[in-house]
Amino acid sequence: MKKLKISIISGSRAEYGILYWIIKDLRTVKKFKINFIVSGSHLSKNFGYTIKQIKEDKIEINEKVFINVEKDTILDINKSIAQGIIGFTKVFINNKPDLIMLVGDRFETFSAAISAYTLRIPITHIHGGEITQGAYDEGFRHSITKMSHIHFASNKIHKKRIIQLGENSKNVYVVGAPGIDNIYRLKLYNKISLEKKLKIKFVSRNLLITLHSETLNTEKNISNINNLIEAINT
């Protein structure tokens, strides 16, 4: 029986967190052959060289596409996109996948989408139809949607937006957010173990804050951090 060859791409730890169980589960299906490709910040020491986490999780990596993500000027980002297109194109021509699986909106993902689209390889896209107003991510995400053939939206609103972009409703599926599914499969730390791991001591009231950075907008990110710190101090 001929197996369906699926290439799954991850350029950052954010995508990898979403893809972890998808990769593991798909690799148990006998009719699929999964080719996992890592790129982007996974291979950058300045971003933590997060390929180490993938190896620690014992997720087999089949290919690496090196993209220079060390600088974030517009010129450097555009060079990185071009570098990614060339790198992914070479890998896809060599491996001849039947299907590409992409997540989200990063520029590495955008490069992979362009490569697959021009090679006429079908693309399945997870988390399309979402919005991040004022960020470059939104243009990348919607462009990836337009180059994709099968869409896995996280809710009905996002499904509607994908269809509004002109995609065939028969190819758009509401599957929820894979990251939420992952939570149910996590082995959680108890309070004592978490304090030991984080090397902190919880008090009666604790605050956890996350701040999502904006792609290609370093000045805005610095401003957002300063505003957050000021708000906390007041």
Protein backbone atom coordinates (compact mmCIF):
# COMPACT_ATOMS: atom_id res chain seq x y z
CA MET A 1 0.00 0.00 0.00
CA LYS A 2 1.40 3.39 -1.03
CA LYS A 3 1.70 5.70 1.94
CA LEU A 4 0.62 9.33 1.84
CA LYS A 5 3.77 11.41 2.38
CA ILE A 6 3.07 14.41 4.62
CA SER A 7 5.71 17.05 5.32
CA ILE A 8 5.09 18.96 8.56
CA ILE A 9 6.95 22.23 9.08
CA SER A 10 7.88 24.02 12.31
CA GLY A 11 9.94 27.20 12.47
CA SER A 12 9.53 28.05 16.16
CA ARG A 13 8.68 26.56 19.55
CA ALA A 14 5.21 28.12 19.33
CA GLU A 15 4.28 25.95 16.34
CA TYR A 16 6.03 22.94 17.79
CA GLY A 17 3.86 23.09 20.89
CA ILE A 18 0.80 22.89 18.66
CA LEU A 19 2.24 20.16 16.43
CA TYR A 20 3.71 17.87 19.09
CA TRP A 21 0.77 15.51 19.50
CA ILE A 22 -0.30 15.88 15.87
CA ILE A 23 3.08 14.52 14.77
CA LYS A 24 3.06 11.74 17.34
CA ASP A 25 -0.48 10.66 16.51
CA LEU A 26 -0.04 10.82 12.73
CA ARG A 27 3.09 8.68 12.97
CA THR A 28 0.98 5.88 14.44
CA VAL A 29 -1.20 5.79 11.29
CA LYS A 30 0.23 3.17 8.95
CA LYS A 31 -1.03 4.79 5.75
CA PHE A 32 0.92 8.03 6.49
CA LYS A 33 4.64 8.70 6.15
CA ILE A 34 5.50 11.81 8.17
CA ASN A 35 8.47 13.97 7.25
CA PHE A 36 9.14 16.52 10.00
CA ILE A 37 11.07 19.61 8.88
CA VAL A 38 12.47 22.17 11.34
CA SER A 39 13.62 25.66 10.43
CA GLY A 40 13.80 29.25 11.65
CA SER A 41 14.47 29.96 15.32
CA HIS A 42 14.66 26.24 16.17
CA LEU A 43 18.17 26.36 14.69
CA SER A 44 19.24 29.68 16.22
CA LYS A 45 21.36 29.88 19.37
CA ASN A 46 20.09 33.42 20.01
CA PHE A 47 16.54 32.03 20.25
CA GLY A 48 17.49 29.15 22.54
CA TYR A 49 18.33 26.56 19.88
CA THR A 50 14.95 24.94 20.59
CA ILE A 51 15.72 21.96 18.38
CA LYS A 52 17.16 20.56 21.64
CA GLN A 53 13.64 20.37 23.09
CA ILE A 54 12.43 18.44 20.05
CA LYS A 55 15.29 15.97 20.42
CA GLU A 56 14.61 15.62 24.16
CA ASP A 57 10.99 14.79 23.28
CA LYS A 58 12.34 12.07 20.96
CA ILE A 59 10.49 13.50 17.95
CA GLU A 60 12.38 12.40 14.85
CA ILE A 61 13.59 15.30 12.69
CA ASN A 62 13.90 14.40 9.02
CA GLU A 63 15.11 17.66 7.48
CA LYS A 64 16.51 21.05 8.48
CA VAL A 65 16.06 24.27 6.50
CA PHE A 66 18.45 26.94 7.74
CA ILE A 67 17.14 30.50 7.67
CA ASN A 68 19.00 33.49 9.10
CA VAL A 69 16.68 34.89 11.78
CA GLU A 70 19.30 36.74 13.83
CA LYS A 71 18.39 40.24 12.59
CA ASP A 72 14.92 41.77 12.32
CA THR A 73 15.33 44.69 9.91
CA ILE A 74 12.94 44.67 6.96
CA LEU A 75 15.80 43.90 4.57
CA ASP A 76 17.00 40.98 6.69
CA ILE A 77 13.49 39.58 7.09
CA ASN A 78 12.92 39.70 3.33
CA LYS A 79 16.29 38.01 2.77
CA SER A 80 15.21 35.32 5.25
CA ILE A 81 11.92 34.77 3.41
CA ALA A 82 13.83 34.37 0.13
CA GLN A 83 16.31 32.03 1.81
CA GLY A 84 13.42 29.98 3.17
CA ILE A 85 11.74 29.70 -0.24
CA ILE A 86 14.96 28.34 -1.75
CA GLY A 87 15.60 25.95 1.14
CA PHE A 88 12.07 24.52 1.32
CA THR A 89 11.89 24.21 -2.46
CA LYS A 90 15.04 22.06 -2.50
CA VAL A 91 13.68 19.82 0.28
CA PHE A 92 10.26 19.43 -1.36
CA ILE A 93 11.76 18.61 -4.77
CA ASN A 94 13.99 15.99 -3.14
CA ASN A 95 11.32 14.40 -0.92
CA LYS A 96 8.29 14.79 -3.21
CA PRO A 97 5.63 15.04 -0.46
CA ASP A 98 1.96 14.49 -1.27
CA LEU A 99 0.83 17.06 1.29
CA ILE A 100 2.31 19.92 3.33
CA MET A 101 1.04 20.76 6.83
CA LEU A 102 1.52 24.32 8.10
CA VAL A 103 0.48 26.18 11.24
CA GLY A 104 -0.24 29.86 11.70
CA ASP A 105 1.42 32.93 10.32
CA ARG A 106 5.20 33.18 10.72
CA PHE A 107 7.39 34.24 7.82
CA GLU A 108 9.14 30.83 7.76
CA THR A 109 5.71 29.27 7.27
CA PHE A 110 5.00 31.81 4.54
CA SER A 111 8.21 30.73 2.76
CA ALA A 112 7.21 27.07 2.95
CA ALA A 113 3.74 27.89 1.61
CA ILE A 114 5.15 29.75 -1.40
CA SER A 115 7.50 26.83 -2.14
CA ALA A 116 4.73 24.21 -1.94
CA TYR A 117 2.26 26.35 -3.87
CA THR A 118 4.57 26.93 -6.84
CA LEU A 119 5.46 23.22 -6.84
CA ARG A 120 1.72 22.41 -6.90
CA ILE A 121 1.88 20.44 -3.66
CA PRO A 122 -1.42 20.57 -1.70
CA ILE A 123 -1.24 22.46 1.59
CA THR A 124 -3.26 21.94 4.75
CA HIS A 125 -3.31 24.96 7.07
CA ILE A 126 -4.07 25.02 10.79
CA HIS A 127 -5.29 28.22 12.53
CA GLY A 128 -6.28 30.14 9.43
CA GLY A 129 -8.98 32.82 9.46
CA GLU A 130 -7.68 34.50 12.61
CA ILE A 131 -6.76 38.16 12.95
CA THR A 132 -3.91 40.13 14.52
CA GLN A 133 -4.76 43.70 13.58
CA GLY A 134 -1.82 45.96 12.86
CA ALA A 135 0.73 43.12 12.69
CA TYR A 136 2.51 41.61 9.70
CA ASP A 137 1.29 38.21 10.88
CA GLU A 138 -2.19 38.86 9.53
CA GLY A 139 -1.00 39.35 5.94
CA PHE A 140 1.18 36.24 6.14
CA ARG A 141 -1.67 34.18 7.60
CA HIS A 142 -4.27 35.20 5.03
CA SER A 143 -1.76 34.69 2.21
CA ILE A 144 -1.03 31.17 3.47
CA THR A 145 -4.79 30.55 3.59
CA LYS A 146 -5.14 31.56 -0.07
CA MET A 147 -2.34 29.17 -1.05
CA SER A 148 -3.79 26.29 0.99
CA HIS A 149 -6.29 23.63 -0.04
CA ILE A 150 -7.53 22.15 3.26
CA HIS A 151 -8.24 24.37 6.26
CA PHE A 152 -8.49 23.44 9.94
CA ALA A 153 -10.07 26.41 11.73
CA SER A 154 -10.24 26.73 15.50
CA ASN A 155 -13.85 27.99 15.60
CA LYS A 156 -16.86 28.93 13.47
CA ILE A 157 -15.90 32.62 13.25
CA HIS A 158 -12.54 31.74 11.77
CA LYS A 159 -14.16 29.25 9.40
CA LYS A 160 -16.49 31.99 8.16
CA ARG A 161 -13.54 34.34 7.57
CA ILE A 162 -11.69 31.67 5.56
CA ILE A 163 -14.76 31.20 3.38
CA GLN A 164 -15.05 34.99 2.99
CA LEU A 165 -11.53 34.91 1.58
CA GLY A 166 -12.93 32.78 -1.22
CA GLU A 167 -12.08 29.27 -0.03
CA ASN A 168 -14.39 26.33 -0.75
CA SER A 169 -16.55 25.71 2.34
CA LYS A 170 -16.29 21.95 1.72
CA ASN A 171 -12.58 22.16 2.48
CA VAL A 172 -12.88 24.15 5.73
CA TYR A 173 -13.23 22.21 8.98
CA VAL A 174 -13.76 23.45 12.53
CA VAL A 175 -11.49 21.29 14.70
CA GLY A 176 -10.82 23.52 17.70
CA ALA A 177 -7.35 24.63 18.78
CA PRO A 178 -4.85 21.73 18.97
CA GLY A 179 -3.03 23.54 21.77
CA ILE A 180 -6.09 23.18 23.99
CA ASP A 181 -6.24 19.47 23.25
CA ASN A 182 -2.59 19.25 24.29
CA ILE A 183 -3.42 20.62 27.74
CA TYR A 184 -5.53 17.57 28.50
CA ARG A 185 -2.56 15.33 27.73
CA LEU A 186 0.00 17.23 29.79
CA LYS A 187 1.46 15.84 32.97
CA LEU A 188 1.06 18.79 35.31
CA TYR A 189 3.42 19.66 38.18
CA ASN A 190 2.07 19.98 41.69
CA LYS A 191 2.85 23.17 43.62
CA ILE A 192 5.96 21.84 45.35
CA SER A 193 7.44 20.39 42.14
CA LEU A 194 6.73 23.62 40.24
CA GLU A 195 8.42 25.76 42.90
CA LYS A 196 11.47 23.52 42.72
CA LYS A 197 11.58 23.57 38.92
CA LEU A 198 11.14 27.36 38.66
CA LYS A 199 13.31 28.03 41.72
CA ILE A 200 10.75 30.37 43.24
CA LYS A 201 8.58 30.41 46.34
CA PHE A 202 4.89 31.07 45.79
CA VAL A 203 3.20 33.58 48.10
CA SER A 204 -0.50 33.89 48.90
CA ARG A 205 -1.19 35.77 45.67
CA ASN A 206 0.87 35.21 42.50
CA LEU A 207 0.76 36.85 39.09
CA LEU A 208 1.67 35.23 35.76
CA ILE A 209 1.94 37.60 32.80
CA THR A 210 2.61 36.82 29.14
CA LEU A 211 3.20 39.40 26.43
CA HIS A 212 2.92 38.39 22.78
CA SER A 213 5.53 40.14 20.64
CA GLU A 214 4.68 41.66 17.26
CA THR A 215 6.45 40.33 14.19
CA LEU A 216 8.86 42.76 12.50
CA ASN A 217 8.13 45.58 14.95
CA THR A 218 10.95 45.81 17.50
CA GLU A 219 10.18 49.39 18.54
CA LYS A 220 6.54 48.53 19.26
CA ASN A 221 7.62 45.48 21.28
CA ILE A 222 9.93 47.61 23.45
CA SER A 223 7.14 50.14 23.93
CA ASN A 224 4.70 47.39 24.92
CA ILE A 225 7.15 45.98 27.47
CA ASN A 226 7.73 49.42 29.01
CA ASN A 227 3.97 50.03 29.21
CA LEU A 228 3.46 46.65 30.88
CA ILE A 229 6.18 47.28 33.46
CA GLU A 230 4.74 50.72 34.20
CA ALA A 231 1.25 49.25 34.65
CA ILE A 232 2.56 46.59 37.05
CA ASN A 233 4.47 49.14 39.12
CA THR A 234 1.38 51.29 39.54
